[in-house]
PDB file of all heavy atoms in Angstrom:
ATOM      1  N   GLU A   1     202.380 102.144 124.042  1.00  0.00           N
ATOM      2  CA  GLU A   1     201.231 102.204 124.945  1.00  0.00           C
ATOM      3  C   GLU A   1     201.416 103.204 125.992  1.00  0.00           C
ATOM      4  O   GLU A   1     200.518 103.942 126.394  1.00  0.00           O
ATOM      5  CB  GLU A   1     201.006 100.727 125.524  1.00  0.00           C
ATOM      6  CG  GLU A   1     199.750 100.647 126.375  1.00  0.00           C
ATOM      7  CD  GLU A   1     199.530  99.331 127.000  1.00  0.00           C
ATOM      8  OE1 GLU A   1     200.129  98.340 126.495  1.00  0.00           O
ATOM      9  OE2 GLU A   1     198.832  99.211 128.033  1.00  0.00           O
ATOM     10  N   GLU A   2     202.543 103.178 126.606  1.00  0.00           N
ATOM     11  CA  GLU A   2     202.859 104.183 127.670  1.00  0.00           C
ATOM     12  C   GLU A   2     202.730 105.551 127.225  1.00  0.00           C
ATOM     13  O   GLU A   2     202.071 106.399 127.858  1.00  0.00           O
ATOM     14  CB  GLU A   2     204.252 103.886 128.279  1.00  0.00           C
ATOM     15  CG  GLU A   2     204.544 104.664 129.556  1.00  0.00           C
ATOM     16  CD  GLU A   2     205.252 106.020 129.259  1.00  0.00           C
ATOM     17  OE1 GLU A   2     205.974 106.107 128.301  1.00  0.00           O
ATOM     18  OE2 GLU A   2     204.958 106.953 129.985  1.00  0.00           O
ATOM     19  N   ARG A   3     203.225 105.860 126.022  1.00  0.00           N
ATOM     20  CA  ARG A   3     203.108 107.207 125.419  1.00  0.00           C
ATOM     21  C   ARG A   3     201.610 107.480 125.158  1.00  0.00           C
ATOM     22  O   ARG A   3     201.149 108.701 125.383  1.00  0.00           O
ATOM     23  CB  ARG A   3     203.891 107.285 124.205  1.00  0.00           C
ATOM     24  CG  ARG A   3     205.293 107.799 124.401  1.00  0.00           C
ATOM     25  CD  ARG A   3     205.554 108.734 123.300  1.00  0.00           C
ATOM     26  NE  ARG A   3     206.593 109.614 123.701  1.00  0.00           N
ATOM     27  CZ  ARG A   3     207.516 110.166 122.978  1.00  0.00           C
ATOM     28  NH1 ARG A   3     207.460 109.850 121.769  1.00  0.00           N
ATOM     29  NH2 ARG A   3     208.306 110.984 123.417  1.00  0.00           N
ATOM     30  N   ALA A   4     200.914 106.658 124.579  1.00  0.00           N
ATOM     31  CA  ALA A   4     199.460 106.798 124.320  1.00  0.00           C
ATOM     32  C   ALA A   4     198.683 107.178 125.598  1.00  0.00           C
ATOM     33  O   ALA A   4     197.868 108.009 125.565  1.00  0.00           O
ATOM     34  CB  ALA A   4     198.909 105.605 123.571  1.00  0.00           C
ATOM     35  N   ARG A   5     199.023 106.418 126.609  1.00  0.00           N
ATOM     36  CA  ARG A   5     198.308 106.687 127.897  1.00  0.00           C
ATOM     37  C   ARG A   5     198.714 107.999 128.501  1.00  0.00           C
ATOM     38  O   ARG A   5     197.816 108.740 128.928  1.00  0.00           O
ATOM     39  CB  ARG A   5     198.632 105.541 128.890  1.00  0.00           C
ATOM     40  CG  ARG A   5     198.017 104.272 128.629  1.00  0.00           C
ATOM     41  CD  ARG A   5     198.538 103.184 129.617  1.00  0.00           C
ATOM     42  NE  ARG A   5     197.880 101.896 129.286  1.00  0.00           N
ATOM     43  CZ  ARG A   5     196.753 101.504 129.897  1.00  0.00           C
ATOM     44  NH1 ARG A   5     196.083 102.312 130.696  1.00  0.00           N
ATOM     45  NH2 ARG A   5     196.219 100.330 129.577  1.00  0.00           N
ATOM     46  N   SER A   6     199.964 108.314 128.520  1.00  0.00           N
ATOM     47  CA  SER A   6     200.364 109.552 129.240  1.00  0.00           C
ATOM     48  C   SER A   6     200.099 110.811 128.409  1.00  0.00           C
ATOM     49  O   SER A   6     199.666 111.891 128.944  1.00  0.00           O
ATOM     50  CB  SER A   6     201.815 109.470 129.630  1.00  0.00           C
ATOM     51  OG  SER A   6     202.649 109.436 128.412  1.00  0.00           O
ATOM     52  N   GLU A   7     200.333 110.842 127.165  1.00  0.00           N
ATOM     53  CA  GLU A   7     200.274 112.024 126.280  1.00  0.00           C
ATOM     54  C   GLU A   7     198.932 112.233 125.685  1.00  0.00           C
ATOM     55  O   GLU A   7     198.480 113.331 125.503  1.00  0.00           O
ATOM     56  CB  GLU A   7     201.400 111.989 125.228  1.00  0.00           C
ATOM     57  CG  GLU A   7     202.743 112.162 125.758  1.00  0.00           C
ATOM     58  CD  GLU A   7     203.822 112.136 124.691  1.00  0.00           C
ATOM     59  OE1 GLU A   7     203.517 112.202 123.544  1.00  0.00           O
ATOM     60  OE2 GLU A   7     205.046 111.998 125.109  1.00  0.00           O
ATOM     61  N   LEU A   8     198.206 111.114 125.281  1.00  0.00           N
ATOM     62  CA  LEU A   8     196.983 111.237 124.632  1.00  0.00           C
ATOM     63  C   LEU A   8     195.757 110.854 125.433  1.00  0.00           C
ATOM     64  O   LEU A   8     194.624 111.009 125.092  1.00  0.00           O
ATOM     65  CB  LEU A   8     197.022 110.303 123.409  1.00  0.00           C
ATOM     66  CG  LEU A   8     198.127 110.634 122.327  1.00  0.00           C
ATOM     67  CD1 LEU A   8     198.093 109.550 121.253  1.00  0.00           C
ATOM     68  CD2 LEU A   8     197.965 111.994 121.744  1.00  0.00           C
ATOM     69  N   GLY A   9     196.123 110.397 126.679  1.00  0.00           N
ATOM     70  CA  GLY A   9     194.959 109.955 127.614  1.00  0.00           C
ATOM     71  C   GLY A   9     194.128 108.835 127.119  1.00  0.00           C
ATOM     72  O   GLY A   9     192.945 108.710 127.553  1.00  0.00           O
ATOM     73  N   MET A  10     194.717 107.886 126.413  1.00  0.00           N
ATOM     74  CA  MET A  10     193.998 106.785 125.915  1.00  0.00           C
ATOM     75  C   MET A  10     193.987 105.642 126.917  1.00  0.00           C
ATOM     76  O   MET A  10     194.803 105.544 127.791  1.00  0.00           O
ATOM     77  CB  MET A  10     194.640 106.193 124.672  1.00  0.00           C
ATOM     78  CG  MET A  10     194.707 107.233 123.512  1.00  0.00           C
ATOM     79  SD  MET A  10     195.489 106.522 122.080  1.00  0.00           S
ATOM     80  CE  MET A  10     194.085 105.716 121.316  1.00  0.00           C
ATOM     81  N   ILE A  11     192.837 104.870 126.890  1.00  0.00           N
ATOM     82  CA  ILE A  11     192.704 103.754 127.815  1.00  0.00           C
ATOM     83  C   ILE A  11     192.294 102.534 126.982  1.00  0.00           C
ATOM     84  O   ILE A  11     191.823 102.643 125.853  1.00  0.00           O
ATOM     85  CB  ILE A  11     191.636 104.029 128.888  1.00  0.00           C
ATOM     86  CG1 ILE A  11     190.279 104.391 128.288  1.00  0.00           C
ATOM     87  CG2 ILE A  11     192.047 105.137 129.777  1.00  0.00           C
ATOM     88  CD1 ILE A  11     189.149 104.501 129.231  1.00  0.00           C
ATOM     89  N   ARG A  12     192.479 101.324 127.573  1.00  0.00           N
ATOM     90  CA  ARG A  12     192.111 100.088 126.809  1.00  0.00           C
ATOM     91  C   ARG A  12     190.546  99.888 127.047  1.00  0.00           C
ATOM     92  O   ARG A  12     189.958 100.392 127.991  1.00  0.00           O
ATOM     93  CB  ARG A  12     192.785  98.926 127.476  1.00  0.00           C
ATOM     94  CG  ARG A  12     194.258  98.872 127.124  1.00  0.00           C
ATOM     95  CD  ARG A  12     194.832  97.536 127.654  1.00  0.00           C
ATOM     96  NE  ARG A  12     196.160  97.390 127.240  1.00  0.00           N
ATOM     97  CZ  ARG A  12     196.942  96.440 127.717  1.00  0.00           C
ATOM     98  NH1 ARG A  12     196.517  95.592 128.700  1.00  0.00           N
ATOM     99  NH2 ARG A  12     198.214  96.352 127.255  1.00  0.00           N
ATOM    100  N   PRO A  13     190.052  99.121 126.063  1.00  0.00           N
ATOM    101  CA  PRO A  13     188.565  98.824 126.253  1.00  0.00           C
ATOM    102  C   PRO A  13     188.358  98.012 127.560  1.00  0.00           C
ATOM    103  O   PRO A  13     189.111  97.094 127.914  1.00  0.00           O
ATOM    104  CB  PRO A  13     188.294  97.929 125.065  1.00  0.00           C
ATOM    105  CG  PRO A  13     189.341  98.331 124.031  1.00  0.00           C
ATOM    106  CD  PRO A  13     190.554  98.636 124.826  1.00  0.00           C
ATOM    107  N   GLY A  14     187.308  98.360 128.296  1.00  0.00           N
ATOM    108  CA  GLY A  14     187.036  97.678 129.532  1.00  0.00           C
ATOM    109  C   GLY A  14     187.716  98.360 130.702  1.00  0.00           C
ATOM    110  O   GLY A  14     187.373  98.037 131.829  1.00  0.00           O
ATOM    111  N   GLU A  15     188.610  99.256 130.577  1.00  0.00           N
ATOM    112  CA  GLU A  15     189.267  99.998 131.720  1.00  0.00           C
ATOM    113  C   GLU A  15     188.408 101.264 131.988  1.00  0.00           C
ATOM    114  O   GLU A  15     187.692 101.680 131.245  1.00  0.00           O
ATOM    115  CB  GLU A  15     190.649 100.437 131.296  1.00  0.00           C
ATOM    116  CG  GLU A  15     191.643  99.382 131.238  1.00  0.00           C
ATOM    117  CD  GLU A  15     193.040  99.932 130.948  1.00  0.00           C
ATOM    118  OE1 GLU A  15     193.144 101.070 130.399  1.00  0.00           O
ATOM    119  OE2 GLU A  15     194.031  99.193 131.271  1.00  0.00           O
ATOM    120  N   THR A  16     188.476 101.585 133.278  1.00  0.00           N
ATOM    121  CA  THR A  16     187.830 102.841 133.736  1.00  0.00           C
ATOM    122  C   THR A  16     188.917 103.815 134.058  1.00  0.00           C
ATOM    123  O   THR A  16     189.856 103.531 134.838  1.00  0.00           O
ATOM    124  CB  THR A  16     186.943 102.552 134.959  1.00  0.00           C
ATOM    125  OG1 THR A  16     186.042 101.449 134.642  1.00  0.00           O
ATOM    126  CG2 THR A  16     186.236 103.714 135.395  1.00  0.00           C
ATOM    127  N   PHE A  17     188.782 104.977 133.563  1.00  0.00           N
ATOM    128  CA  PHE A  17     189.762 106.064 133.845  1.00  0.00           C
ATOM    129  C   PHE A  17     189.228 106.916 135.001  1.00  0.00           C
ATOM    130  O   PHE A  17     188.091 107.383 135.014  1.00  0.00           O
ATOM    131  CB  PHE A  17     189.844 106.895 132.616  1.00  0.00           C
ATOM    132  CG  PHE A  17     190.838 108.036 132.728  1.00  0.00           C
ATOM    133  CD1 PHE A  17     192.189 107.899 132.806  1.00  0.00           C
ATOM    134  CD2 PHE A  17     190.321 109.395 132.874  1.00  0.00           C
ATOM    135  CE1 PHE A  17     193.028 108.934 132.890  1.00  0.00           C
ATOM    136  CE2 PHE A  17     191.154 110.393 133.011  1.00  0.00           C
ATOM    137  CZ  PHE A  17     192.564 110.215 133.074  1.00  0.00           C
ATOM    138  N   TYR A  18     190.134 107.108 135.952  1.00  0.00           N
ATOM    139  CA  TYR A  18     189.871 107.970 137.103  1.00  0.00           C
ATOM    140  C   TYR A  18     190.895 109.103 137.145  1.00  0.00           C
ATOM    141  O   TYR A  18     192.085 108.812 136.980  1.00  0.00           O
ATOM    142  CB  TYR A  18     189.936 107.148 138.385  1.00  0.00           C
ATOM    143  CG  TYR A  18     188.842 106.086 138.578  1.00  0.00           C
ATOM    144  CD1 TYR A  18     189.179 104.762 138.283  1.00  0.00           C
ATOM    145  CD2 TYR A  18     187.646 106.447 139.036  1.00  0.00           C
ATOM    146  CE1 TYR A  18     188.236 103.803 138.454  1.00  0.00           C
ATOM    147  CE2 TYR A  18     186.682 105.461 139.158  1.00  0.00           C
ATOM    148  CZ  TYR A  18     186.985 104.091 138.873  1.00  0.00           C
ATOM    149  OH  TYR A  18     186.035 103.217 139.050  1.00  0.00           O
ATOM    150  N   ARG A  19     190.347 110.300 137.342  1.00  0.00           N
ATOM    151  CA  ARG A  19     191.272 111.491 137.524  1.00  0.00           C
ATOM    152  C   ARG A  19     191.036 112.015 138.891  1.00  0.00           C
ATOM    153  O   ARG A  19     189.925 112.299 139.279  1.00  0.00           O
ATOM    154  CB  ARG A  19     190.891 112.528 136.460  1.00  0.00           C
ATOM    155  CG  ARG A  19     191.805 113.754 136.679  1.00  0.00           C
ATOM    156  CD  ARG A  19     191.548 114.846 135.633  1.00  0.00           C
ATOM    157  NE  ARG A  19     192.183 114.299 134.375  1.00  0.00           N
ATOM    158  CZ  ARG A  19     192.191 114.864 133.223  1.00  0.00           C
ATOM    159  NH1 ARG A  19     191.360 115.934 133.145  1.00  0.00           N
ATOM    160  NH2 ARG A  19     192.722 114.366 132.189  1.00  0.00           N
ATOM    161  N   VAL A  20     192.133 112.119 139.627  1.00  0.00           N
ATOM    162  CA  VAL A  20     192.112 112.615 141.014  1.00  0.00           C
ATOM    163  C   VAL A  20     192.466 114.069 140.969  1.00  0.00           C
ATOM    164  O   VAL A  20     193.573 114.494 140.474  1.00  0.00           O
ATOM    165  CB  VAL A  20     193.055 111.799 141.916  1.00  0.00           C
ATOM    166  CG1 VAL A  20     193.061 112.382 143.323  1.00  0.00           C
ATOM    167  CG2 VAL A  20     192.696 110.370 141.920  1.00  0.00           C
ATOM    168  N   VAL A  21     191.543 114.891 141.424  1.00  0.00           N
ATOM    169  CA  VAL A  21     191.827 116.344 141.389  1.00  0.00           C
ATOM    170  C   VAL A  21     191.842 116.841 142.852  1.00  0.00           C
ATOM    171  O   VAL A  21     190.907 116.615 143.674  1.00  0.00           O
ATOM    172  CB  VAL A  21     190.677 117.095 140.629  1.00  0.00           C
ATOM    173  CG1 VAL A  21     190.870 118.614 140.710  1.00  0.00           C
ATOM    174  CG2 VAL A  21     190.538 116.611 139.220  1.00  0.00           C
ATOM    175  N   GLU A  22     193.003 117.425 143.192  1.00  0.00           N
ATOM    176  CA  GLU A  22     193.088 117.909 144.532  1.00  0.00           C
ATOM    177  C   GLU A  22     192.354 119.216 144.753  1.00  0.00           C
ATOM    178  O   GLU A  22     192.325 120.054 143.838  1.00  0.00           O
ATOM    179  CB  GLU A  22     194.552 118.058 144.971  1.00  0.00           C
ATOM    180  CG  GLU A  22     195.312 116.731 144.924  1.00  0.00           C
ATOM    181  CD  GLU A  22     196.758 116.837 145.354  1.00  0.00           C
ATOM    182  OE1 GLU A  22     197.134 117.925 145.944  1.00  0.00           O
ATOM    183  OE2 GLU A  22     197.523 115.922 144.968  1.00  0.00           O
ATOM    184  N   ASP A  23     191.763 119.477 145.934  1.00  0.00           N
ATOM    185  CA  ASP A  23     191.068 120.714 146.160  1.00  0.00           C
ATOM    186  C   ASP A  23     192.078 121.784 146.337  1.00  0.00           C
ATOM    187  O   ASP A  23     193.138 121.626 146.935  1.00  0.00           O
ATOM    188  CB  ASP A  23     190.267 120.624 147.491  1.00  0.00           C
ATOM    189  CG  ASP A  23     189.093 119.699 147.425  1.00  0.00           C
ATOM    190  OD1 ASP A  23     188.634 119.504 146.191  1.00  0.00           O
ATOM    191  OD2 ASP A  23     188.536 119.216 148.379  1.00  0.00           O
ATOM    192  N   ARG A  24     191.821 122.942 145.708  1.00  0.00           N
ATOM    193  CA  ARG A  24     192.663 124.124 145.860  1.00  0.00           C
ATOM    194  C   ARG A  24     192.269 124.820 147.179  1.00  0.00           C
ATOM    195  O   ARG A  24     191.183 124.734 147.569  1.00  0.00           O
ATOM    196  CB  ARG A  24     192.388 125.133 144.719  1.00  0.00           C
ATOM    197  CG  ARG A  24     192.902 124.682 143.406  1.00  0.00           C
ATOM    198  CD  ARG A  24     192.912 125.826 142.547  1.00  0.00           C
ATOM    199  NE  ARG A  24     192.622 125.369 141.173  1.00  0.00           N
ATOM    200  CZ  ARG A  24     192.220 126.129 140.144  1.00  0.00           C
ATOM    201  NH1 ARG A  24     192.107 127.449 140.324  1.00  0.00           N
ATOM    202  NH2 ARG A  24     192.050 125.661 139.013  1.00  0.00           N
ATOM    203  N   ALA A  25     193.217 125.351 147.740  1.00  0.00           N
ATOM    204  CA  ALA A  25     193.021 126.157 148.966  1.00  0.00           C
ATOM    205  C   ALA A  25     192.224 127.358 148.533  1.00  0.00           C
ATOM    206  O   ALA A  25     192.513 128.212 147.778  1.00  0.00           O
ATOM    207  CB  ALA A  25     194.283 126.638 149.636  1.00  0.00           C
ATOM    208  N   VAL A  26     190.987 127.499 149.196  1.00  0.00           N
ATOM    209  CA  VAL A  26     190.115 128.568 148.858  1.00  0.00           C
ATOM    210  C   VAL A  26     190.303 129.635 149.856  1.00  0.00           C
ATOM    211  O   VAL A  26     190.350 129.433 151.087  1.00  0.00           O
ATOM    212  CB  VAL A  26     188.647 128.116 148.883  1.00  0.00           C
ATOM    213  CG1 VAL A  26     187.660 129.260 148.607  1.00  0.00           C
ATOM    214  CG2 VAL A  26     188.379 127.001 147.904  1.00  0.00           C
ATOM    215  N   SER A  27     190.525 130.941 149.395  1.00  0.00           N
ATOM    216  CA  SER A  27     190.777 132.016 150.349  1.00  0.00           C
ATOM    217  C   SER A  27     189.418 132.460 150.894  1.00  0.00           C
ATOM    218  O   SER A  27     188.366 132.324 150.151  1.00  0.00           O
ATOM    219  CB  SER A  27     191.406 133.101 149.585  1.00  0.00           C
ATOM    220  OG  SER A  27     190.592 133.600 148.579  1.00  0.00           O
ATOM    221  N   PRO A  28     189.335 132.859 152.130  1.00  0.00           N
ATOM    222  CA  PRO A  28     188.092 133.259 152.730  1.00  0.00           C
ATOM    223  C   PRO A  28     187.531 134.476 152.067  1.00  0.00           C
ATOM    224  O   PRO A  28     188.220 135.252 151.514  1.00  0.00           O
ATOM    225  CB  PRO A  28     188.506 133.562 154.224  1.00  0.00           C
ATOM    226  CG  PRO A  28     189.931 133.814 154.121  1.00  0.00           C
ATOM    227  CD  PRO A  28     190.466 133.075 153.009  1.00  0.00           C
TER     228      PRO A  28
END
């Protein structure tokens, strides 16, 4: 299960997947 989650991005039924993306520093 841990491998499926980390390498394949799989989730269980009823779960919600959230991906946190950090803002890149934007040059002026």
